[in-house]
Amino acid sequence: MTEETPDQVEPMEQVTQEPQEADTTEETNEAVDSSKTEEEDPRVAELEKKFEDRYTEKDPAFKAVLESKEASPPVVSNYGGSSDRGRDRDRKRSRSRSPTATIKQ
């Protein structure tokens, strides 16, 4: 096995990237002008006016949610939680016994 010296190594190809052209679709034309601040943008003012009463006492939907009572939890009649426990223990005990102990002679 021979070691390569720097003069024996082949140079790698130089990869150059072409500068990408800016996308000139309609999407860029509709972009928000970044020179405008939020206060100057008419859409911001329109939306602020539209939602100024949201989540306040003036909002009927929000007020209805605040005034609604929570539903009471469901009541489940006796589902057999305590009476079945003894039977379950008997099954486990019978499986753990050896077969000769359960056979009467």
PDB file of N, CA and C in Angstrom:
ATOM      1  N   MET A   1       0.848  -1.171   0.000  1.00  0.00           N
ATOM      2  CA  MET A   1       0.000   0.000   0.000  1.00  0.00           C
ATOM      3  C   MET A   1       0.891   1.231   0.000  1.00  0.00           C
ATOM      4  N   THR A   2       0.638   2.125  -0.934  1.00  0.00           N
ATOM      5  CA  THR A   2       1.469   3.320  -1.026  1.00  0.00           C
ATOM      6  C   THR A   2       0.652   4.528  -0.617  1.00  0.00           C
ATOM      7  N   GLU A   3       1.320   5.456   0.001  1.00  0.00           N
ATOM      8  CA  GLU A   3       0.654   6.687   0.402  1.00  0.00           C
ATOM      9  C   GLU A   3       0.741   7.689  -0.737  1.00  0.00           C
ATOM     10  N   GLU A   4      -0.323   8.457  -0.882  1.00  0.00           N
ATOM     11  CA  GLU A   4      -0.337   9.465  -1.933  1.00  0.00           C
ATOM     12  C   GLU A   4       0.229  10.758  -1.383  1.00  0.00           C
ATOM     13  N   THR A   5       1.042  11.377  -2.157  1.00  0.00           N
ATOM     14  CA  THR A   5       1.571  12.678  -1.779  1.00  0.00           C
ATOM     15  C   THR A   5       0.707  13.736  -2.433  1.00  0.00           C
ATOM     16  N   PRO A   6       0.753  14.965  -1.945  1.00  0.00           N
ATOM     17  CA  PRO A   6      -0.106  16.016  -2.506  1.00  0.00           C
ATOM     18  C   PRO A   6       0.034  16.202  -4.012  1.00  0.00           C
ATOM     19  N   ASP A   7       1.206  15.967  -4.573  1.00  0.00           N
ATOM     20  CA  ASP A   7       1.353  16.162  -6.015  1.00  0.00           C
ATOM     21  C   ASP A   7       0.758  15.003  -6.811  1.00  0.00           C
ATOM     22  N   GLN A   8       0.464  13.873  -6.166  1.00  0.00           N
ATOM     23  CA  GLN A   8      -0.132  12.735  -6.861  1.00  0.00           C
ATOM     24  C   GLN A   8      -1.666  12.769  -6.829  1.00  0.00           C
ATOM     25  N   VAL A   9      -2.243  13.570  -5.957  1.00  0.00           N
ATOM     26  CA  VAL A   9      -3.692  13.618  -5.831  1.00  0.00           C
ATOM     27  C   VAL A   9      -4.273  14.421  -6.986  1.00  0.00           C
ATOM     28  N   GLU A  10      -5.308  13.865  -7.603  1.00  0.00           N
ATOM     29  CA  GLU A  10      -5.941  14.567  -8.712  1.00  0.00           C
ATOM     30  C   GLU A  10      -6.803  15.695  -8.158  1.00  0.00           C
ATOM     31  N   PRO A  11      -6.760  16.848  -8.784  1.00  0.00           N
ATOM     32  CA  PRO A  11      -7.579  17.964  -8.292  1.00  0.00           C
ATOM     33  C   PRO A  11      -9.064  17.691  -8.545  1.00  0.00           C
ATOM     34  N   MET A  12      -9.882  18.129  -7.603  1.00  0.00           N
ATOM     35  CA  MET A  12     -11.332  17.966  -7.750  1.00  0.00           C
ATOM     36  C   MET A  12     -11.851  19.018  -8.716  1.00  0.00           C
ATOM     37  N   GLU A  13     -12.963  18.700  -9.339  1.00  0.00           N
ATOM     38  CA  GLU A  13     -13.558  19.656 -10.261  1.00  0.00           C
ATOM     39  C   GLU A  13     -14.120  20.829  -9.472  1.00  0.00           C
ATOM     40  N   GLN A  14     -13.936  21.996 -10.012  1.00  0.00           N
ATOM     41  CA  GLN A  14     -14.487  23.189  -9.383  1.00  0.00           C
ATOM     42  C   GLN A  14     -15.967  23.276  -9.737  1.00  0.00           C
ATOM     43  N   VAL A  15     -16.794  23.327  -8.713  1.00  0.00           N
ATOM     44  CA  VAL A  15     -18.230  23.429  -8.925  1.00  0.00           C
ATOM     45  C   VAL A  15     -18.625  24.867  -8.668  1.00  0.00           C
ATOM     46  N   THR A  16     -19.164  25.471  -9.684  1.00  0.00           N
ATOM     47  CA  THR A  16     -19.607  26.852  -9.521  1.00  0.00           C
ATOM     48  C   THR A  16     -21.110  26.887  -9.677  1.00  0.00           C
ATOM     49  N   GLN A  17     -21.731  27.693  -8.858  1.00  0.00           N
ATOM     50  CA  GLN A  17     -23.177  27.827  -8.947  1.00  0.00           C
ATOM     51  C   GLN A  17     -23.500  29.115  -9.683  1.00  0.00           C
ATOM     52  N   GLU A  18     -24.429  28.974 -10.586  1.00  0.00           N
ATOM     53  CA  GLU A  18     -24.895  30.143 -11.305  1.00  0.00           C
ATOM     54  C   GLU A  18     -25.824  30.919 -10.380  1.00  0.00           C
ATOM     55  N   PRO A  19     -25.751  32.228 -10.373  1.00  0.00           N
ATOM     56  CA  PRO A  19     -26.691  32.982  -9.542  1.00  0.00           C
ATOM     57  C   PRO A  19     -28.113  32.752 -10.044  1.00  0.00           C
ATOM     58  N   GLN A  20     -29.006  32.479  -9.112  1.00  0.00           N
ATOM     59  CA  GLN A  20     -30.382  32.199  -9.495  1.00  0.00           C
ATOM     60  C   GLN A  20     -31.108  33.506  -9.762  1.00  0.00           C
ATOM     61  N   GLU A  21     -31.932  33.462 -10.793  1.00  0.00           N
ATOM     62  CA  GLU A  21     -32.695  34.652 -11.142  1.00  0.00           C
ATOM     63  C   GLU A  21     -33.881  34.783 -10.197  1.00  0.00           C
ATOM     64  N   ALA A  22     -34.278  35.990  -9.955  1.00  0.00           N
ATOM     65  CA  ALA A  22     -35.421  36.238  -9.078  1.00  0.00           C
ATOM     66  C   ALA A  22     -36.687  35.718  -9.739  1.00  0.00           C
ATOM     67  N   ASP A  23     -37.565  35.161  -8.933  1.00  0.00           N
ATOM     68  CA  ASP A  23     -38.831  34.638  -9.427  1.00  0.00           C
ATOM     69  C   ASP A  23     -39.745  35.816  -9.746  1.00  0.00           C
ATOM     70  N   THR A  24     -40.214  35.870 -10.972  1.00  0.00           N
ATOM     71  CA  THR A  24     -41.029  37.014 -11.388  1.00  0.00           C
ATOM     72  C   THR A  24     -42.475  36.605 -11.596  1.00  0.00           C
ATOM     73  N   THR A  25     -42.985  35.747 -10.733  1.00  0.00           N
ATOM     74  CA  THR A  25     -44.373  35.324 -10.867  1.00  0.00           C
ATOM     75  C   THR A  25     -45.285  36.344 -10.217  1.00  0.00           C
ATOM     76  N   GLU A  26     -46.570  36.106 -10.336  1.00  0.00           N
ATOM     77  CA  GLU A  26     -47.552  37.004  -9.737  1.00  0.00           C
ATOM     78  C   GLU A  26     -47.416  37.037  -8.224  1.00  0.00           C
ATOM     79  N   GLU A  27     -46.909  35.967  -7.664  1.00  0.00           N
ATOM     80  CA  GLU A  27     -46.780  35.876  -6.214  1.00  0.00           C
ATOM     81  C   GLU A  27     -45.876  36.977  -5.674  1.00  0.00           C
ATOM     82  N   THR A  28     -44.805  37.289  -6.376  1.00  0.00           N
ATOM     83  CA  THR A  28     -43.917  38.344  -5.902  1.00  0.00           C
ATOM     84  C   THR A  28     -44.548  39.711  -6.088  1.00  0.00           C
ATOM     85  N   ASN A  29     -45.413  39.852  -7.086  1.00  0.00           N
ATOM     86  CA  ASN A  29     -46.077  41.130  -7.294  1.00  0.00           C
ATOM     87  C   ASN A  29     -47.080  41.424  -6.190  1.00  0.00           C
ATOM     88  N   GLU A  30     -47.655  40.375  -5.596  1.00  0.00           N
ATOM     89  CA  GLU A  30     -48.644  40.544  -4.549  1.00  0.00           C
ATOM     90  C   GLU A  30     -48.020  40.628  -3.165  1.00  0.00           C
ATOM     91  N   ALA A  31     -46.724  40.516  -3.079  1.00  0.00           N
ATOM     92  CA  ALA A  31     -46.058  40.538  -1.778  1.00  0.00           C
ATOM     93  C   ALA A  31     -46.243  41.896  -1.124  1.00  0.00           C
ATOM     94  N   VAL A  32     -46.222  41.899   0.206  1.00  0.00           N
ATOM     95  CA  VAL A  32     -46.395  43.136   0.956  1.00  0.00           C
ATOM     96  C   VAL A  32     -45.147  43.990   0.791  1.00  0.00           C
ATOM     97  N   ASP A  33     -45.358  45.254   0.573  1.00  0.00           N
ATOM     98  CA  ASP A  33     -44.247  46.182   0.439  1.00  0.00           C
ATOM     99  C   ASP A  33     -43.582  46.316   1.799  1.00  0.00           C
ATOM    100  N   SER A  34     -42.318  45.921   1.901  1.00  0.00           N
ATOM    101  CA  SER A  34     -41.632  45.921   3.196  1.00  0.00           C
ATOM    102  C   SER A  34     -41.287  47.323   3.671  1.00  0.00           C
ATOM    103  N   SER A  35     -41.392  48.320   2.796  1.00  0.00           N
ATOM    104  CA  SER A  35     -41.082  49.680   3.223  1.00  0.00           C
ATOM    105  C   SER A  35     -42.215  50.274   4.058  1.00  0.00           C
ATOM    106  N   LYS A  36     -43.416  49.711   3.956  1.00  0.00           N
ATOM    107  CA  LYS A  36     -44.540  50.193   4.749  1.00  0.00           C
ATOM    108  C   LYS A  36     -44.487  49.570   6.138  1.00  0.00           C
ATOM    109  N   THR A  37     -44.825  50.348   7.121  1.00  0.00           N
ATOM    110  CA  THR A  37     -44.931  49.799   8.462  1.00  0.00           C
ATOM    111  C   THR A  37     -46.335  49.257   8.653  1.00  0.00           C
ATOM    112  N   GLU A  38     -46.561  48.579   9.760  1.00  0.00           N
ATOM    113  CA  GLU A  38     -47.877  47.993  10.004  1.00  0.00           C
ATOM    114  C   GLU A  38     -48.965  49.054  10.084  1.00  0.00           C
ATOM    115  N   GLU A  39     -48.635  50.201  10.638  1.00  0.00           N
ATOM    116  CA  GLU A  39     -49.632  51.255  10.781  1.00  0.00           C
ATOM    117  C   GLU A  39     -50.042  51.832   9.433  1.00  0.00           C
ATOM    118  N   GLU A  40     -49.126  51.841   8.474  1.00  0.00           N
ATOM    119  CA  GLU A  40     -49.414  52.416   7.167  1.00  0.00           C
ATOM    120  C   GLU A  40     -50.186  51.452   6.269  1.00  0.00           C
ATOM    121  N   ASP A  41     -50.129  50.173   6.556  1.00  0.00           N
ATOM    122  CA  ASP A  41     -50.783  49.187   5.705  1.00  0.00           C
ATOM    123  C   ASP A  41     -52.291  49.231   5.950  1.00  0.00           C
ATOM    124  N   PRO A  42     -53.093  49.485   4.927  1.00  0.00           N
ATOM    125  CA  PRO A  42     -54.545  49.601   5.131  1.00  0.00           C
ATOM    126  C   PRO A  42     -55.195  48.278   5.556  1.00  0.00           C
ATOM    127  N   ARG A  43     -54.604  47.157   5.182  1.00  0.00           N
ATOM    128  CA  ARG A  43     -55.182  45.871   5.570  1.00  0.00           C
ATOM    129  C   ARG A  43     -55.085  45.653   7.070  1.00  0.00           C
ATOM    130  N   VAL A  44     -53.993  46.104   7.676  1.00  0.00           N
ATOM    131  CA  VAL A  44     -53.830  45.957   9.121  1.00  0.00           C
ATOM    132  C   VAL A  44     -54.890  46.764   9.843  1.00  0.00           C
ATOM    133  N   ALA A  45     -55.105  47.980   9.401  1.00  0.00           N
ATOM    134  CA  ALA A  45     -56.121  48.832  10.026  1.00  0.00           C
ATOM    135  C   ALA A  45     -57.512  48.229   9.862  1.00  0.00           C
ATOM    136  N   GLU A  46     -57.784  47.670   8.698  1.00  0.00           N
ATOM    137  CA  GLU A  46     -59.089  47.057   8.448  1.00  0.00           C
ATOM    138  C   GLU A  46     -59.312  45.847   9.361  1.00  0.00           C
ATOM    139  N   LEU A  47     -58.299  45.009   9.501  1.00  0.00           N
ATOM    140  CA  LEU A  47     -58.431  43.833  10.356  1.00  0.00           C
ATOM    141  C   LEU A  47     -58.516  44.211  11.830  1.00  0.00           C
ATOM    142  N   GLU A  48     -57.772  45.241  12.242  1.00  0.00           N
ATOM    143  CA  GLU A  48     -57.861  45.698  13.629  1.00  0.00           C
ATOM    144  C   GLU A  48     -59.265  46.194  13.943  1.00  0.00           C
ATOM    145  N   LYS A  49     -59.872  46.894  12.992  1.00  0.00           N
ATOM    146  CA  LYS A  49     -61.234  47.390  13.199  1.00  0.00           C
ATOM    147  C   LYS A  49     -62.225  46.231  13.238  1.00  0.00           C
ATOM    148  N   LYS A  50     -62.011  45.239  12.382  1.00  0.00           N
ATOM    149  CA  LYS A  50     -62.918  44.105  12.300  1.00  0.00           C
ATOM    150  C   LYS A  50     -62.896  43.265  13.583  1.00  0.00           C
ATOM    151  N   PHE A  51     -61.724  43.101  14.187  1.00  0.00           N
ATOM    152  CA  PHE A  51     -61.581  42.221  15.345  1.00  0.00           C
ATOM    153  C   PHE A  51     -61.339  42.964  16.659  1.00  0.00           C
ATOM    154  N   GLU A  52     -61.669  44.236  16.735  1.00  0.00           N
ATOM    155  CA  GLU A  52     -61.386  45.000  17.946  1.00  0.00           C
ATOM    156  C   GLU A  52     -62.210  44.533  19.146  1.00  0.00           C
ATOM    157  N   ASP A  53     -63.396  43.976  18.919  1.00  0.00           N
ATOM    158  CA  ASP A  53     -64.245  43.521  20.018  1.00  0.00           C
ATOM    159  C   ASP A  53     -64.147  42.019  20.263  1.00  0.00           C
ATOM    160  N   ARG A  54     -63.218  41.364  19.607  1.00  0.00           N
ATOM    161  CA  ARG A  54     -63.095  39.919  19.765  1.00  0.00           C
ATOM    162  C   ARG A  54     -62.590  39.592  21.166  1.00  0.00           C
ATOM    163  N   TYR A  55     -63.166  38.567  21.770  1.00  0.00           N
ATOM    164  CA  TYR A  55     -62.832  38.108  23.121  1.00  0.00           C
ATOM    165  C   TYR A  55     -63.045  39.193  24.170  1.00  0.00           C
ATOM    166  N   THR A  56     -64.057  40.008  23.988  1.00  0.00           N
ATOM    167  CA  THR A  56     -64.451  40.999  24.985  1.00  0.00           C
ATOM    168  C   THR A  56     -65.913  40.753  25.327  1.00  0.00           C
ATOM    169  N   GLU A  57     -66.454  41.566  26.213  1.00  0.00           N
ATOM    170  CA  GLU A  57     -67.865  41.447  26.593  1.00  0.00           C
ATOM    171  C   GLU A  57     -68.793  41.813  25.429  1.00  0.00           C
ATOM    172  N   LYS A  58     -68.275  42.502  24.423  1.00  0.00           N
ATOM    173  CA  LYS A  58     -69.084  42.883  23.262  1.00  0.00           C
ATOM    174  C   LYS A  58     -69.213  41.744  22.243  1.00  0.00           C
ATOM    175  N   ASP A  59     -68.395  40.718  22.375  1.00  0.00           N
ATOM    176  CA  ASP A  59     -68.410  39.578  21.454  1.00  0.00           C
ATOM    177  C   ASP A  59     -69.465  38.576  21.930  1.00  0.00           C
ATOM    178  N   PRO A  60     -70.590  38.423  21.192  1.00  0.00           N
ATOM    179  CA  PRO A  60     -71.668  37.540  21.671  1.00  0.00           C
ATOM    180  C   PRO A  60     -71.253  36.068  21.764  1.00  0.00           C
ATOM    181  N   ALA A  61     -70.440  35.591  20.857  1.00  0.00           N
ATOM    182  CA  ALA A  61     -70.022  34.185  20.901  1.00  0.00           C
ATOM    183  C   ALA A  61     -69.139  33.924  22.122  1.00  0.00           C
ATOM    184  N   PHE A  62     -68.227  34.842  22.401  1.00  0.00           N
ATOM    185  CA  PHE A  62     -67.351  34.697  23.560  1.00  0.00           C
ATOM    186  C   PHE A  62     -68.144  34.810  24.851  1.00  0.00           C
ATOM    187  N   LYS A  63     -69.103  35.706  24.879  1.00  0.00           N
ATOM    188  CA  LYS A  63     -69.941  35.896  26.068  1.00  0.00           C
ATOM    189  C   LYS A  63     -70.766  34.640  26.338  1.00  0.00           C
ATOM    190  N   ALA A  64     -71.263  33.995  25.293  1.00  0.00           N
ATOM    191  CA  ALA A  64     -72.038  32.764  25.451  1.00  0.00           C
ATOM    192  C   ALA A  64     -71.181  31.649  26.040  1.00  0.00           C
ATOM    193  N   VAL A  65     -69.936  31.580  25.630  1.00  0.00           N
ATOM    194  CA  VAL A  65     -69.036  30.558  26.168  1.00  0.00           C
ATOM    195  C   VAL A  65     -68.761  30.822  27.639  1.00  0.00           C
ATOM    196  N   LEU A  66     -68.569  32.079  27.997  1.00  0.00           N
ATOM    197  CA  LEU A  66     -68.310  32.425  29.393  1.00  0.00           C
ATOM    198  C   LEU A  66     -69.503  32.105  30.284  1.00  0.00           C
ATOM    199  N   GLU A  67     -70.701  32.336  29.787  1.00  0.00           N
ATOM    200  CA  GLU A  67     -71.902  32.146  30.588  1.00  0.00           C
ATOM    201  C   GLU A  67     -72.394  30.704  30.607  1.00  0.00           C
ATOM    202  N   SER A  68     -71.891  29.866  29.726  1.00  0.00           N
ATOM    203  CA  SER A  68     -72.365  28.482  29.683  1.00  0.00           C
ATOM    204  C   SER A  68     -71.831  27.712  30.886  1.00  0.00           C
ATOM    205  N   LYS A  69     -72.658  26.810  31.381  1.00  0.00           N
ATOM    206  CA  LYS A  69     -72.251  25.963  32.499  1.00  0.00           C
ATOM    207  C   LYS A  69     -71.638  24.696  31.930  1.00  0.00           C
ATOM    208  N   GLU A  70     -70.703  24.153  32.685  1.00  0.00           N
ATOM    209  CA  GLU A  70     -70.098  22.904  32.249  1.00  0.00           C
ATOM    210  C   GLU A  70     -71.093  21.774  32.454  1.00  0.00           C
ATOM    211  N   ALA A  71     -71.063  20.808  31.591  1.00  0.00           N
ATOM    212  CA  ALA A  71     -71.944  19.658  31.724  1.00  0.00           C
ATOM    213  C   ALA A  71     -71.501  18.834  32.927  1.00  0.00           C
ATOM    214  N   SER A  72     -72.475  18.283  33.624  1.00  0.00           N
ATOM    215  CA  SER A  72     -72.122  17.458  34.777  1.00  0.00           C
ATOM    216  C   SER A  72     -71.507  16.155  34.284  1.00  0.00           C
ATOM    217  N   PRO A  73     -70.659  15.555  35.084  1.00  0.00           N
ATOM    218  CA  PRO A  73     -70.034  14.306  34.646  1.00  0.00           C
ATOM    219  C   PRO A  73     -71.075  13.196  34.551  1.00  0.00           C
ATOM    220  N   PRO A  74     -70.879  12.256  33.677  1.00  0.00           N
ATOM    221  CA  PRO A  74     -71.865  11.184  33.528  1.00  0.00           C
ATOM    222  C   PRO A  74     -71.888  10.302  34.779  1.00  0.00           C
ATOM    223  N   VAL A  75     -73.073   9.866  35.141  1.00  0.00           N
ATOM    224  CA  VAL A  75     -73.225   8.975  36.284  1.00  0.00           C
ATOM    225  C   VAL A  75     -73.431   7.576  35.735  1.00  0.00           C
ATOM    226  N   VAL A  76     -72.563   6.674  36.130  1.00  0.00           N
ATOM    227  CA  VAL A  76     -72.650   5.298  35.670  1.00  0.00           C
ATOM    228  C   VAL A  76     -73.177   4.472  36.831  1.00  0.00           C
ATOM    229  N   SER A  77     -74.284   3.795  36.610  1.00  0.00           N
ATOM    230  CA  SER A  77     -74.834   2.968  37.685  1.00  0.00           C
ATOM    231  C   SER A  77     -73.882   1.810  37.953  1.00  0.00           C
ATOM    232  N   ASN A  78     -74.157   1.060  38.996  1.00  0.00           N
ATOM    233  CA  ASN A  78     -73.258   0.003  39.452  1.00  0.00           C
ATOM    234  C   ASN A  78     -72.758  -0.826  38.265  1.00  0.00           C
ATOM    235  N   TYR A  79     -71.503  -0.728  38.006  1.00  0.00           N
ATOM    236  CA  TYR A  79     -70.914  -1.436  36.882  1.00  0.00           C
ATOM    237  C   TYR A  79     -70.219  -2.705  37.332  1.00  0.00           C
ATOM    238  N   GLY A  80     -70.419  -3.078  38.587  1.00  0.00           N
ATOM    239  CA  GLY A  80     -69.886  -4.344  39.069  1.00  0.00           C
ATOM    240  C   GLY A  80     -68.437  -4.276  39.464  1.00  0.00           C
ATOM    241  N   GLY A  81     -67.964  -3.124  39.862  1.00  0.00           N
ATOM    242  CA  GLY A  81     -66.558  -2.989  40.209  1.00  0.00           C
ATOM    243  C   GLY A  81     -66.144  -3.795  41.416  1.00  0.00           C
ATOM    244  N   SER A  82     -66.958  -3.837  42.487  1.00  0.00           N
ATOM    245  CA  SER A  82     -66.515  -4.498  43.709  1.00  0.00           C
ATOM    246  C   SER A  82     -66.951  -5.955  43.785  1.00  0.00           C
ATOM    247  N   SER A  83     -68.076  -6.323  43.204  1.00  0.00           N
ATOM    248  CA  SER A  83     -68.558  -7.694  43.357  1.00  0.00           C
ATOM    249  C   SER A  83     -67.790  -8.689  42.490  1.00  0.00           C
ATOM    250  N   ASP A  84     -67.170  -8.269  41.439  1.00  0.00           N
ATOM    251  CA  ASP A  84     -66.437  -9.177  40.557  1.00  0.00           C
ATOM    252  C   ASP A  84     -65.024  -9.463  41.050  1.00  0.00           C
ATOM    253  N   ARG A  85     -64.539  -8.722  41.983  1.00  0.00           N
ATOM    254  CA  ARG A  85     -63.148  -8.878  42.411  1.00  0.00           C
ATOM    255  C   ARG A  85     -62.887 -10.236  43.061  1.00  0.00           C
ATOM    256  N   GLY A  86     -63.794 -10.734  43.856  1.00  0.00           N
ATOM    257  CA  GLY A  86     -63.589 -12.025  44.505  1.00  0.00           C
ATOM    258  C   GLY A  86     -63.500 -13.155  43.503  1.00  0.00           C
ATOM    259  N   ARG A  87     -64.334 -13.105  42.506  1.00  0.00           N
ATOM    260  CA  ARG A  87     -64.328 -14.152  41.491  1.00  0.00           C
ATOM    261  C   ARG A  87     -63.009 -14.150  40.723  1.00  0.00           C
ATOM    262  N   ASP A  88     -62.462 -12.971  40.450  1.00  0.00           N
ATOM    263  CA  ASP A  88     -61.194 -12.886  39.737  1.00  0.00           C
ATOM    264  C   ASP A  88     -60.066 -13.488  40.559  1.00  0.00           C
ATOM    265  N   ARG A  89     -60.093 -13.284  41.862  1.00  0.00           N
ATOM    266  CA  ARG A  89     -59.033 -13.836  42.709  1.00  0.00           C
ATOM    267  C   ARG A  89     -59.101 -15.356  42.723  1.00  0.00           C
ATOM    268  N   ASP A  90     -60.293 -15.910  42.715  1.00  0.00           N
ATOM    269  CA  ASP A  90     -60.425 -17.363  42.724  1.00  0.00           C
ATOM    270  C   ASP A  90     -59.832 -17.971  41.459  1.00  0.00           C
ATOM    271  N   ARG A  91     -60.037 -17.322  40.344  1.00  0.00           N
ATOM    272  CA  ARG A  91     -59.489 -17.849  39.095  1.00  0.00           C
ATOM    273  C   ARG A  91     -57.968 -17.877  39.133  1.00  0.00           C
ATOM    274  N   LYS A  92     -57.389 -16.841  39.632  1.00  0.00           N
ATOM    275  CA  LYS A  92     -55.928 -16.785  39.684  1.00  0.00           C
ATOM    276  C   LYS A  92     -55.391 -17.848  40.629  1.00  0.00           C
ATOM    277  N   ARG A  93     -56.083 -18.065  41.742  1.00  0.00           N
ATOM    278  CA  ARG A  93     -55.631 -19.037  42.721  1.00  0.00           C
ATOM    279  C   ARG A  93     -55.738 -20.444  42.140  1.00  0.00           C
ATOM    280  N   SER A  94     -56.787 -20.719  41.409  1.00  0.00           N
ATOM    281  CA  SER A  94     -56.965 -22.070  40.886  1.00  0.00           C
ATOM    282  C   SER A  94     -55.925 -22.381  39.813  1.00  0.00           C
ATOM    283  N   ARG A  95     -55.489 -21.391  39.096  1.00  0.00           N
ATOM    284  CA  ARG A  95     -54.460 -21.626  38.090  1.00  0.00           C
ATOM    285  C   ARG A  95     -53.105 -21.879  38.725  1.00  0.00           C
ATOM    286  N   SER A  96     -52.893 -21.338  39.917  1.00  0.00           N
ATOM    287  CA  SER A  96     -51.582 -21.479  40.535  1.00  0.00           C
ATOM    288  C   SER A  96     -51.436 -22.794  41.299  1.00  0.00           C
ATOM    289  N   ARG A  97     -52.535 -23.505  41.554  1.00  0.00           N
ATOM    290  CA  ARG A  97     -52.459 -24.778  42.275  1.00  0.00           C
ATOM    291  C   ARG A  97     -51.960 -25.872  41.348  1.00  0.00           C
ATOM    292  N   SER A  98     -51.327 -26.823  41.934  1.00  0.00           N
ATOM    293  CA  SER A  98     -50.860 -27.950  41.133  1.00  0.00           C
ATOM    294  C   SER A  98     -52.050 -28.854  40.821  1.00  0.00           C
ATOM    295  N   PRO A  99     -52.044 -29.566  39.726  1.00  0.00           N
ATOM    296  CA  PRO A  99     -53.181 -30.411  39.357  1.00  0.00           C
ATOM    297  C   PRO A  99     -53.438 -31.534  40.357  1.00  0.00           C
ATOM    298  N   THR A 100     -52.412 -32.046  41.010  1.00  0.00           N
ATOM    299  CA  THR A 100     -52.618 -33.155  41.946  1.00  0.00           C
ATOM    300  C   THR A 100     -53.340 -32.702  43.197  1.00  0.00           C
ATOM    301  N   ALA A 101     -53.201 -31.440  43.556  1.00  0.00           N
ATOM    302  CA  ALA A 101     -53.856 -30.950  44.760  1.00  0.00           C
ATOM    303  C   ALA A 101     -55.346 -30.781  44.544  1.00  0.00           C
ATOM    304  N   THR A 102     -55.790 -30.599  43.316  1.00  0.00           N
ATOM    305  CA  THR A 102     -57.214 -30.389  43.060  1.00  0.00           C
ATOM    306  C   THR A 102     -57.951 -31.693  42.806  1.00  0.00           C
ATOM    307  N   ILE A 103     -57.245 -32.774  42.512  1.00  0.00           N
ATOM    308  CA  ILE A 103     -57.888 -34.061  42.224  1.00  0.00           C
ATOM    309  C   ILE A 103     -58.107 -34.799  43.547  1.00  0.00           C
ATOM    310  N   LYS A 104     -59.344 -35.273  43.772  1.00  0.00           N
ATOM    311  CA  LYS A 104     -59.646 -36.034  44.988  1.00  0.00           C
ATOM    312  C   LYS A 104     -59.396 -37.508  44.716  1.00  0.00           C
ATOM    313  N   GLN A 105     -58.791 -38.170  45.670  1.00  0.00           N
ATOM    314  CA  GLN A 105     -58.506 -39.595  45.480  1.00  0.00           C
ATOM    315  C   GLN A 105     -59.303 -40.456  46.383  1.00  0.00           C
TER     316      GLN A 105
END
